[in-house]
């Protein structure tokens, strides 16, 4: 069962990273540069997608076995996807 709990914990942390990054992006960063017509839900979903991409890229390239590196790359992935998604 430790693998199941570890996988569930990873899933929940990645979801949390994506939602926080998406909400921060929509409410603070886009508001600072001139407003946004996007909803919080859409930004959160795009942030989650970016967090999943970043996490799995870090697993594929085989970063340190510590989950901290995977979570840091999940944050980078979420921010990068949100930045590319902004469309400006």
PDB file of N, CA and C in Angstrom:
ATOM      1  N   UNK A   1       0.781  -1.218   0.000  1.00  0.00           N
ATOM      2  CA  UNK A   1       0.000   0.000   0.000  1.00  0.00           C
ATOM      3  C   UNK A   1       0.821   1.280   0.000  1.00  0.00           C
ATOM      4  N   UNK A   2       2.099   1.280   0.348  1.00  0.00           N
ATOM      5  CA  UNK A   2       2.836   2.550   0.331  1.00  0.00           C
ATOM      6  C   UNK A   2       2.899   3.174  -1.057  1.00  0.00           C
ATOM      7  N   UNK A   3       2.934   2.341  -2.105  1.00  0.00           N
ATOM      8  CA  UNK A   3       2.984   2.889  -3.460  1.00  0.00           C
ATOM      9  C   UNK A   3       1.684   3.629  -3.768  1.00  0.00           C
ATOM     10  N   UNK A   4       0.564   3.073  -3.348  1.00  0.00           N
ATOM     11  CA  UNK A   4      -0.719   3.711  -3.588  1.00  0.00           C
ATOM     12  C   UNK A   4      -0.817   5.048  -2.855  1.00  0.00           C
ATOM     13  N   UNK A   5      -0.395   5.083  -1.616  1.00  0.00           N
ATOM     14  CA  UNK A   5      -0.466   6.343  -0.870  1.00  0.00           C
ATOM     15  C   UNK A   5       0.518   7.366  -1.423  1.00  0.00           C
ATOM     16  N   UNK A   6       1.672   6.912  -1.881  1.00  0.00           N
ATOM     17  CA  UNK A   6       2.640   7.821  -2.481  1.00  0.00           C
ATOM     18  C   UNK A   6       2.104   8.395  -3.792  1.00  0.00           C
ATOM     19  N   UNK A   7       1.479   7.549  -4.594  1.00  0.00           N
ATOM     20  CA  UNK A   7       0.911   8.015  -5.858  1.00  0.00           C
ATOM     21  C   UNK A   7      -0.241   8.987  -5.608  1.00  0.00           C
ATOM     22  N   UNK A   8      -1.066   8.697  -4.616  1.00  0.00           N
ATOM     23  CA  UNK A   8      -2.172   9.591  -4.295  1.00  0.00           C
ATOM     24  C   UNK A   8      -1.649  10.925  -3.773  1.00  0.00           C
ATOM     25  N   UNK A   9      -0.620  10.889  -2.949  1.00  0.00           N
ATOM     26  CA  UNK A   9      -0.029  12.125  -2.442  1.00  0.00           C
ATOM     27  C   UNK A   9       0.566  12.951  -3.587  1.00  0.00           C
ATOM     28  N   UNK A  10       1.258  12.288  -4.516  1.00  0.00           N
ATOM     29  CA  UNK A  10       1.807  13.002  -5.683  1.00  0.00           C
ATOM     30  C   UNK A  10       0.700  13.651  -6.498  1.00  0.00           C
ATOM     31  N   UNK A  11      -0.386  12.919  -6.721  1.00  0.00           N
ATOM     32  CA  UNK A  11      -1.509  13.453  -7.484  1.00  0.00           C
ATOM     33  C   UNK A  11      -2.090  14.688  -6.812  1.00  0.00           C
ATOM     34  N   UNK A  12      -2.319  14.613  -5.518  1.00  0.00           N
ATOM     35  CA  UNK A  12      -2.906  15.742  -4.806  1.00  0.00           C
ATOM     36  C   UNK A  12      -1.979  16.948  -4.782  1.00  0.00           C
ATOM     37  N   UNK A  13      -0.678  16.715  -4.627  1.00  0.00           N
ATOM     38  CA  UNK A  13       0.273  17.826  -4.618  1.00  0.00           C
ATOM     39  C   UNK A  13       0.360  18.475  -5.991  1.00  0.00           C
ATOM     40  N   UNK A  14       0.349  17.684  -7.044  1.00  0.00           N
ATOM     41  CA  UNK A  14       0.399  18.234  -8.399  1.00  0.00           C
ATOM     42  C   UNK A  14      -0.873  19.036  -8.694  1.00  0.00           C
ATOM     43  N   UNK A  15      -2.020  18.520  -8.265  1.00  0.00           N
ATOM     44  CA  UNK A  15      -3.262  19.269  -8.449  1.00  0.00           C
ATOM     45  C   UNK A  15      -3.217  20.597  -7.704  1.00  0.00           C
ATOM     46  N   UNK A  16      -2.713  20.572  -6.491  1.00  0.00           N
ATOM     47  CA  UNK A  16      -2.609  21.792  -5.695  1.00  0.00           C
ATOM     48  C   UNK A  16      -1.655  22.801  -6.340  1.00  0.00           C
ATOM     49  N   UNK A  17      -0.524  22.325  -6.820  1.00  0.00           N
ATOM     50  CA  UNK A  17       0.432  23.212  -7.500  1.00  0.00           C
ATOM     51  C   UNK A  17      -0.216  23.858  -8.721  1.00  0.00           C
ATOM     52  N   UNK A  18      -0.917  23.075  -9.524  1.00  0.00           N
ATOM     53  CA  UNK A  18      -1.547  23.603 -10.730  1.00  0.00           C
ATOM     54  C   UNK A  18      -2.643  24.606 -10.439  1.00  0.00           C
ATOM     55  N   UNK A  19      -3.473  24.323  -9.445  1.00  0.00           N
ATOM     56  CA  UNK A  19      -4.566  25.233  -9.102  1.00  0.00           C
ATOM     57  C   UNK A  19      -4.015  26.553  -8.558  1.00  0.00           C
ATOM     58  N   UNK A  20      -3.044  26.461  -7.657  1.00  0.00           N
ATOM     59  CA  UNK A  20      -2.463  27.684  -7.083  1.00  0.00           C
ATOM     60  C   UNK A  20      -1.778  28.514  -8.167  1.00  0.00           C
ATOM     61  N   UNK A  21      -1.025  27.866  -9.044  1.00  0.00           N
ATOM     62  CA  UNK A  21      -0.354  28.599 -10.124  1.00  0.00           C
ATOM     63  C   UNK A  21      -1.377  29.244 -11.062  1.00  0.00           C
ATOM     64  N   UNK A  22      -2.440  28.524 -11.403  1.00  0.00           N
ATOM     65  CA  UNK A  22      -3.457  29.069 -12.294  1.00  0.00           C
ATOM     66  C   UNK A  22      -4.204  30.246 -11.693  1.00  0.00           C
ATOM     67  N   UNK A  23      -4.569  30.128 -10.422  1.00  0.00           N
ATOM     68  CA  UNK A  23      -5.275  31.225  -9.771  1.00  0.00           C
ATOM     69  C   UNK A  23      -4.376  32.438  -9.595  1.00  0.00           C
ATOM     70  N   UNK A  24      -3.131  32.211  -9.216  1.00  0.00           N
ATOM     71  CA  UNK A  24      -2.187  33.330  -9.094  1.00  0.00           C
ATOM     72  C   UNK A  24      -2.003  34.017 -10.433  1.00  0.00           C
ATOM     73  N   UNK A  25      -1.854  33.218 -11.485  1.00  0.00           N
ATOM     74  CA  UNK A  25      -1.668  33.758 -12.829  1.00  0.00           C
ATOM     75  C   UNK A  25      -2.858  34.607 -13.247  1.00  0.00           C
ATOM     76  N   UNK A  26      -4.067  34.114 -13.025  1.00  0.00           N
ATOM     77  CA  UNK A  26      -5.256  34.816 -13.492  1.00  0.00           C
ATOM     78  C   UNK A  26      -5.585  36.038 -12.648  1.00  0.00           C
ATOM     79  N   UNK A  27      -5.461  35.913 -11.352  1.00  0.00           N
ATOM     80  CA  UNK A  27      -5.902  37.006 -10.478  1.00  0.00           C
ATOM     81  C   UNK A  27      -4.871  38.107 -10.296  1.00  0.00           C
ATOM     82  N   UNK A  28      -3.602  37.753 -10.283  1.00  0.00           N
ATOM     83  CA  UNK A  28      -2.593  38.753  -9.964  1.00  0.00           C
ATOM     84  C   UNK A  28      -1.739  39.149 -11.158  1.00  0.00           C
ATOM     85  N   UNK A  29      -1.236  38.157 -11.893  1.00  0.00           N
ATOM     86  CA  UNK A  29      -0.321  38.488 -12.966  1.00  0.00           C
ATOM     87  C   UNK A  29      -1.045  39.106 -14.154  1.00  0.00           C
ATOM     88  N   UNK A  30      -2.145  38.496 -14.600  1.00  0.00           N
ATOM     89  CA  UNK A  30      -2.882  39.060 -15.735  1.00  0.00           C
ATOM     90  C   UNK A  30      -3.574  40.364 -15.363  1.00  0.00           C
ATOM     91  N   UNK A  31      -4.029  40.490 -14.131  1.00  0.00           N
ATOM     92  CA  UNK A  31      -4.656  41.739 -13.702  1.00  0.00           C
ATOM     93  C   UNK A  31      -3.642  42.874 -13.699  1.00  0.00           C
ATOM     94  N   UNK A  32      -2.406  42.546 -13.397  1.00  0.00           N
ATOM     95  CA  UNK A  32      -1.357  43.568 -13.348  1.00  0.00           C
ATOM     96  C   UNK A  32      -1.004  44.080 -14.740  1.00  0.00           C
ATOM     97  N   UNK A  33      -1.117  43.223 -15.761  1.00  0.00           N
ATOM     98  CA  UNK A  33      -0.717  43.651 -17.103  1.00  0.00           C
ATOM     99  C   UNK A  33      -1.897  44.079 -17.960  1.00  0.00           C
ATOM    100  N   UNK A  34      -3.073  44.223 -17.380  1.00  0.00           N
ATOM    101  CA  UNK A  34      -4.154  44.796 -18.170  1.00  0.00           C
ATOM    102  C   UNK A  34      -5.430  43.995 -18.231  1.00  0.00           C
ATOM    103  N   UNK A  35      -5.691  43.162 -17.282  1.00  0.00           N
ATOM    104  CA  UNK A  35      -6.970  42.477 -17.234  1.00  0.00           C
ATOM    105  C   UNK A  35      -6.983  41.161 -17.980  1.00  0.00           C
ATOM    106  N   UNK A  36      -8.045  40.446 -17.740  1.00  0.00           N
ATOM    107  CA  UNK A  36      -8.170  39.118 -18.321  1.00  0.00           C
ATOM    108  C   UNK A  36      -9.636  38.809 -18.558  1.00  0.00           C
ATOM    109  N   UNK A  37      -9.913  38.143 -19.646  1.00  0.00           N
ATOM    110  CA  UNK A  37     -11.274  37.690 -19.901  1.00  0.00           C
ATOM    111  C   UNK A  37     -11.411  36.196 -19.592  1.00  0.00           C
ATOM    112  N   UNK A  38     -10.363  35.615 -19.053  1.00  0.00           N
ATOM    113  CA  UNK A  38     -10.384  34.193 -18.746  1.00  0.00           C
ATOM    114  C   UNK A  38     -10.944  33.960 -17.349  1.00  0.00           C
ATOM    115  N   UNK A  39     -11.551  32.809 -17.161  1.00  0.00           N
ATOM    116  CA  UNK A  39     -12.098  32.502 -15.843  1.00  0.00           C
ATOM    117  C   UNK A  39     -11.039  31.837 -14.977  1.00  0.00           C
ATOM    118  N   UNK A  40     -11.302  31.838 -13.674  1.00  0.00           N
ATOM    119  CA  UNK A  40     -10.394  31.182 -12.738  1.00  0.00           C
ATOM    120  C   UNK A  40     -10.319  29.685 -13.004  1.00  0.00           C
ATOM    121  N   UNK A  41     -11.455  29.080 -13.355  1.00  0.00           N
ATOM    122  CA  UNK A  41     -11.480  27.638 -13.598  1.00  0.00           C
ATOM    123  C   UNK A  41     -10.593  27.264 -14.784  1.00  0.00           C
ATOM    124  N   UNK A  42     -10.666  28.027 -15.854  1.00  0.00           N
ATOM    125  CA  UNK A  42      -9.851  27.740 -17.023  1.00  0.00           C
ATOM    126  C   UNK A  42      -8.368  27.883 -16.714  1.00  0.00           C
ATOM    127  N   UNK A  43      -8.012  28.933 -16.005  1.00  0.00           N
ATOM    128  CA  UNK A  43      -6.610  29.125 -15.636  1.00  0.00           C
ATOM    129  C   UNK A  43      -6.124  28.016 -14.709  1.00  0.00           C
ATOM    130  N   UNK A  44      -6.970  27.586 -13.782  1.00  0.00           N
ATOM    131  CA  UNK A  44      -6.595  26.497 -12.882  1.00  0.00           C
ATOM    132  C   UNK A  44      -6.386  25.197 -13.651  1.00  0.00           C
ATOM    133  N   UNK A  45      -7.242  24.923 -14.618  1.00  0.00           N
ATOM    134  CA  UNK A  45      -7.093  23.688 -15.409  1.00  0.00           C
ATOM    135  C   UNK A  45      -5.829  23.720 -16.268  1.00  0.00           C
ATOM    136  N   UNK A  46      -5.516  24.868 -16.833  1.00  0.00           N
ATOM    137  CA  UNK A  46      -4.283  24.993 -17.616  1.00  0.00           C
ATOM    138  C   UNK A  46      -3.072  24.852 -16.696  1.00  0.00           C
ATOM    139  N   UNK A  47      -3.147  25.407 -15.496  1.00  0.00           N
ATOM    140  CA  UNK A  47      -2.071  25.244 -14.516  1.00  0.00           C
ATOM    141  C   UNK A  47      -1.875  23.793 -14.120  1.00  0.00           C
ATOM    142  N   UNK A  48      -2.973  23.064 -13.953  1.00  0.00           N
ATOM    143  CA  UNK A  48      -2.877  21.639 -13.626  1.00  0.00           C
ATOM    144  C   UNK A  48      -2.215  20.875 -14.771  1.00  0.00           C
ATOM    145  N   UNK A  49      -2.584  21.202 -15.996  1.00  0.00           N
ATOM    146  CA  UNK A  49      -1.971  20.534 -17.146  1.00  0.00           C
ATOM    147  C   UNK A  49      -0.469  20.794 -17.190  1.00  0.00           C
ATOM    148  N   UNK A  50      -0.085  22.031 -16.950  1.00  0.00           N
ATOM    149  CA  UNK A  50       1.343  22.359 -16.929  1.00  0.00           C
ATOM    150  C   UNK A  50       2.084  21.670 -15.803  1.00  0.00           C
ATOM    151  N   UNK A  51       1.453  21.555 -14.641  1.00  0.00           N
ATOM    152  CA  UNK A  51       2.084  20.872 -13.514  1.00  0.00           C
ATOM    153  C   UNK A  51       2.286  19.394 -13.822  1.00  0.00           C
ATOM    154  N   UNK A  52       1.306  18.769 -14.451  1.00  0.00           N
ATOM    155  CA  UNK A  52       1.462  17.371 -14.844  1.00  0.00           C
ATOM    156  C   UNK A  52       2.582  17.210 -15.869  1.00  0.00           C
ATOM    157  N   UNK A  53       2.649  18.115 -16.825  1.00  0.00           N
ATOM    158  CA  UNK A  53       3.711  18.043 -17.834  1.00  0.00           C
ATOM    159  C   UNK A  53       5.079  18.177 -17.179  1.00  0.00           C
ATOM    160  N   UNK A  54       5.236  19.170 -16.334  1.00  0.00           N
ATOM    161  CA  UNK A  54       6.520  19.377 -15.658  1.00  0.00           C
ATOM    162  C   UNK A  54       6.913  18.207 -14.773  1.00  0.00           C
ATOM    163  N   UNK A  55       5.963  17.672 -14.032  1.00  0.00           N
ATOM    164  CA  UNK A  55       6.251  16.538 -13.143  1.00  0.00           C
ATOM    165  C   UNK A  55       6.698  15.327 -13.946  1.00  0.00           C
ATOM    166  N   UNK A  56       5.981  15.011 -14.998  1.00  0.00           N
ATOM    167  CA  UNK A  56       6.314  13.815 -15.766  1.00  0.00           C
ATOM    168  C   UNK A  56       7.583  13.989 -16.596  1.00  0.00           C
ATOM    169  N   UNK A  57       7.872  15.195 -17.040  1.00  0.00           N
ATOM    170  CA  UNK A  57       9.150  15.427 -17.719  1.00  0.00           C
ATOM    171  C   UNK A  57      10.302  15.184 -16.751  1.00  0.00           C
ATOM    172  N   UNK A  58      10.147  15.627 -15.503  1.00  0.00           N
ATOM    173  CA  UNK A  58      11.216  15.398 -14.519  1.00  0.00           C
ATOM    174  C   UNK A  58      11.385  13.919 -14.213  1.00  0.00           C
ATOM    175  N   UNK A  59      10.299  13.169 -14.229  1.00  0.00           N
ATOM    176  CA  UNK A  59      10.401  11.720 -14.008  1.00  0.00           C
ATOM    177  C   UNK A  59      11.085  11.056 -15.205  1.00  0.00           C
ATOM    178  N   UNK A  60      10.743  11.492 -16.411  1.00  0.00           N
ATOM    179  CA  UNK A  60      11.317  10.884 -17.611  1.00  0.00           C
ATOM    180  C   UNK A  60      12.819  11.146 -17.715  1.00  0.00           C
ATOM    181  N   UNK A  61      13.241  12.386 -17.416  1.00  0.00           N
ATOM    182  CA  UNK A  61      14.674  12.661 -17.537  1.00  0.00           C
ATOM    183  C   UNK A  61      15.456  12.151 -16.332  1.00  0.00           C
ATOM    184  N   UNK A  62      14.774  11.665 -15.333  1.00  0.00           N
ATOM    185  CA  UNK A  62      15.430  11.002 -14.210  1.00  0.00           C
ATOM    186  C   UNK A  62      16.166  11.925 -13.272  1.00  0.00           C
ATOM    187  N   UNK A  63      15.496  12.967 -12.823  1.00  0.00           N
ATOM    188  CA  UNK A  63      16.115  13.850 -11.847  1.00  0.00           C
ATOM    189  C   UNK A  63      16.304  13.099 -10.529  1.00  0.00           C
ATOM    190  N   UNK A  64      16.827  13.775  -9.568  1.00  0.00           N
ATOM    191  CA  UNK A  64      17.115  13.150  -8.284  1.00  0.00           C
ATOM    192  C   UNK A  64      15.913  12.352  -7.779  1.00  0.00           C
ATOM    193  N   UNK A  65      16.173  11.306  -7.024  1.00  0.00           N
ATOM    194  CA  UNK A  65      15.054  10.497  -6.541  1.00  0.00           C
ATOM    195  C   UNK A  65      14.181  11.223  -5.513  1.00  0.00           C
ATOM    196  N   UNK A  66      14.611  12.375  -5.079  1.00  0.00           N
ATOM    197  CA  UNK A  66      13.820  13.150  -4.134  1.00  0.00           C
ATOM    198  C   UNK A  66      12.595  13.734  -4.835  1.00  0.00           C
ATOM    199  N   UNK A  67      11.429  13.636  -4.238  1.00  0.00           N
ATOM    200  CA  UNK A  67      10.237  14.211  -4.878  1.00  0.00           C
ATOM    201  C   UNK A  67      10.279  15.730  -4.958  1.00  0.00           C
ATOM    202  N   UNK A  68      11.130  16.359  -4.175  1.00  0.00           N
ATOM    203  CA  UNK A  68      11.201  17.816  -4.191  1.00  0.00           C
ATOM    204  C   UNK A  68      11.568  18.336  -5.581  1.00  0.00           C
ATOM    205  N   UNK A  69      12.501  17.695  -6.252  1.00  0.00           N
ATOM    206  CA  UNK A  69      12.882  18.121  -7.602  1.00  0.00           C
ATOM    207  C   UNK A  69      11.717  17.957  -8.579  1.00  0.00           C
ATOM    208  N   UNK A  70      10.938  16.900  -8.407  1.00  0.00           N
ATOM    209  CA  UNK A  70       9.779  16.690  -9.275  1.00  0.00           C
ATOM    210  C   UNK A  70       8.740  17.786  -9.053  1.00  0.00           C
ATOM    211  N   UNK A  71       8.551  18.176  -7.804  1.00  0.00           N
ATOM    212  CA  UNK A  71       7.575  19.229  -7.507  1.00  0.00           C
ATOM    213  C   UNK A  71       8.064  20.584  -8.009  1.00  0.00           C
ATOM    214  N   UNK A  72       9.353  20.838  -7.909  1.00  0.00           N
ATOM    215  CA  UNK A  72       9.887  22.105  -8.429  1.00  0.00           C
ATOM    216  C   UNK A  72       9.715  22.193  -9.942  1.00  0.00           C
ATOM    217  N   UNK A  73       9.957  21.084 -10.627  1.00  0.00           N
ATOM    218  CA  UNK A  73       9.750  21.100 -12.073  1.00  0.00           C
ATOM    219  C   UNK A  73       8.261  21.147 -12.414  1.00  0.00           C
ATOM    220  N   UNK A  74       7.400  20.658 -11.548  1.00  0.00           N
ATOM    221  CA  UNK A  74       5.954  20.804 -11.754  1.00  0.00           C
ATOM    222  C   UNK A  74       5.563  22.276 -11.677  1.00  0.00           C
ATOM    223  N   UNK A  75       6.158  23.006 -10.745  1.00  0.00           N
ATOM    224  CA  UNK A  75       5.896  24.448 -10.646  1.00  0.00           C
ATOM    225  C   UNK A  75       6.386  25.161 -11.902  1.00  0.00           C
ATOM    226  N   UNK A  76       7.595  24.820 -12.339  1.00  0.00           N
ATOM    227  CA  UNK A  76       8.146  25.423 -13.556  1.00  0.00           C
ATOM    228  C   UNK A  76       7.275  25.095 -14.760  1.00  0.00           C
ATOM    229  N   UNK A  77       6.809  23.858 -14.854  1.00  0.00           N
ATOM    230  CA  UNK A  77       5.942  23.464 -15.963  1.00  0.00           C
ATOM    231  C   UNK A  77       4.629  24.210 -15.957  1.00  0.00           C
ATOM    232  N   UNK A  78       4.027  24.384 -14.780  1.00  0.00           N
ATOM    233  CA  UNK A  78       2.762  25.115 -14.689  1.00  0.00           C
ATOM    234  C   UNK A  78       2.943  26.567 -15.104  1.00  0.00           C
ATOM    235  N   UNK A  79       3.997  27.199 -14.615  1.00  0.00           N
ATOM    236  CA  UNK A  79       4.244  28.600 -14.956  1.00  0.00           C
ATOM    237  C   UNK A  79       4.546  28.746 -16.445  1.00  0.00           C
ATOM    238  N   UNK A  80       5.325  27.842 -16.989  1.00  0.00           N
ATOM    239  CA  UNK A  80       5.670  27.913 -18.404  1.00  0.00           C
ATOM    240  C   UNK A  80       4.446  27.732 -19.295  1.00  0.00           C
ATOM    241  N   UNK A  81       3.613  26.756 -18.993  1.00  0.00           N
ATOM    242  CA  UNK A  81       2.414  26.531 -19.811  1.00  0.00           C
ATOM    243  C   UNK A  81       1.452  27.711 -19.686  1.00  0.00           C
ATOM    244  N   UNK A  82       1.295  28.244 -18.475  1.00  0.00           N
ATOM    245  CA  UNK A  82       0.427  29.416 -18.309  1.00  0.00           C
ATOM    246  C   UNK A  82       0.978  30.621 -19.061  1.00  0.00           C
ATOM    247  N   UNK A  83       2.281  30.797 -19.030  1.00  0.00           N
ATOM    248  CA  UNK A  83       2.887  31.922 -19.738  1.00  0.00           C
ATOM    249  C   UNK A  83       2.712  31.773 -21.252  1.00  0.00           C
ATOM    250  N   UNK A  84       2.893  30.565 -21.771  1.00  0.00           N
ATOM    251  CA  UNK A  84       2.703  30.333 -23.208  1.00  0.00           C
ATOM    252  C   UNK A  84       1.235  30.446 -23.606  1.00  0.00           C
ATOM    253  N   UNK A  85       0.355  30.124 -22.673  1.00  0.00           N
ATOM    254  CA  UNK A  85      -1.094  30.139 -22.948  1.00  0.00           C
ATOM    255  C   UNK A  85      -1.668  31.547 -22.949  1.00  0.00           C
ATOM    256  N   UNK A  86      -0.961  32.501 -22.380  1.00  0.00           N
ATOM    257  CA  UNK A  86      -1.514  33.846 -22.233  1.00  0.00           C
ATOM    258  C   UNK A  86      -1.869  34.484 -23.562  1.00  0.00           C
ATOM    259  N   UNK A  87      -1.231  34.079 -24.659  1.00  0.00           N
ATOM    260  CA  UNK A  87      -1.648  34.498 -25.989  1.00  0.00           C
ATOM    261  C   UNK A  87      -1.298  35.916 -26.396  1.00  0.00           C
ATOM    262  N   UNK A  88      -0.311  36.493 -25.757  1.00  0.00           N
ATOM    263  CA  UNK A  88       0.062  37.854 -26.149  1.00  0.00           C
ATOM    264  C   UNK A  88       1.497  37.894 -26.592  1.00  0.00           C
TER     265      UNK A  88
END
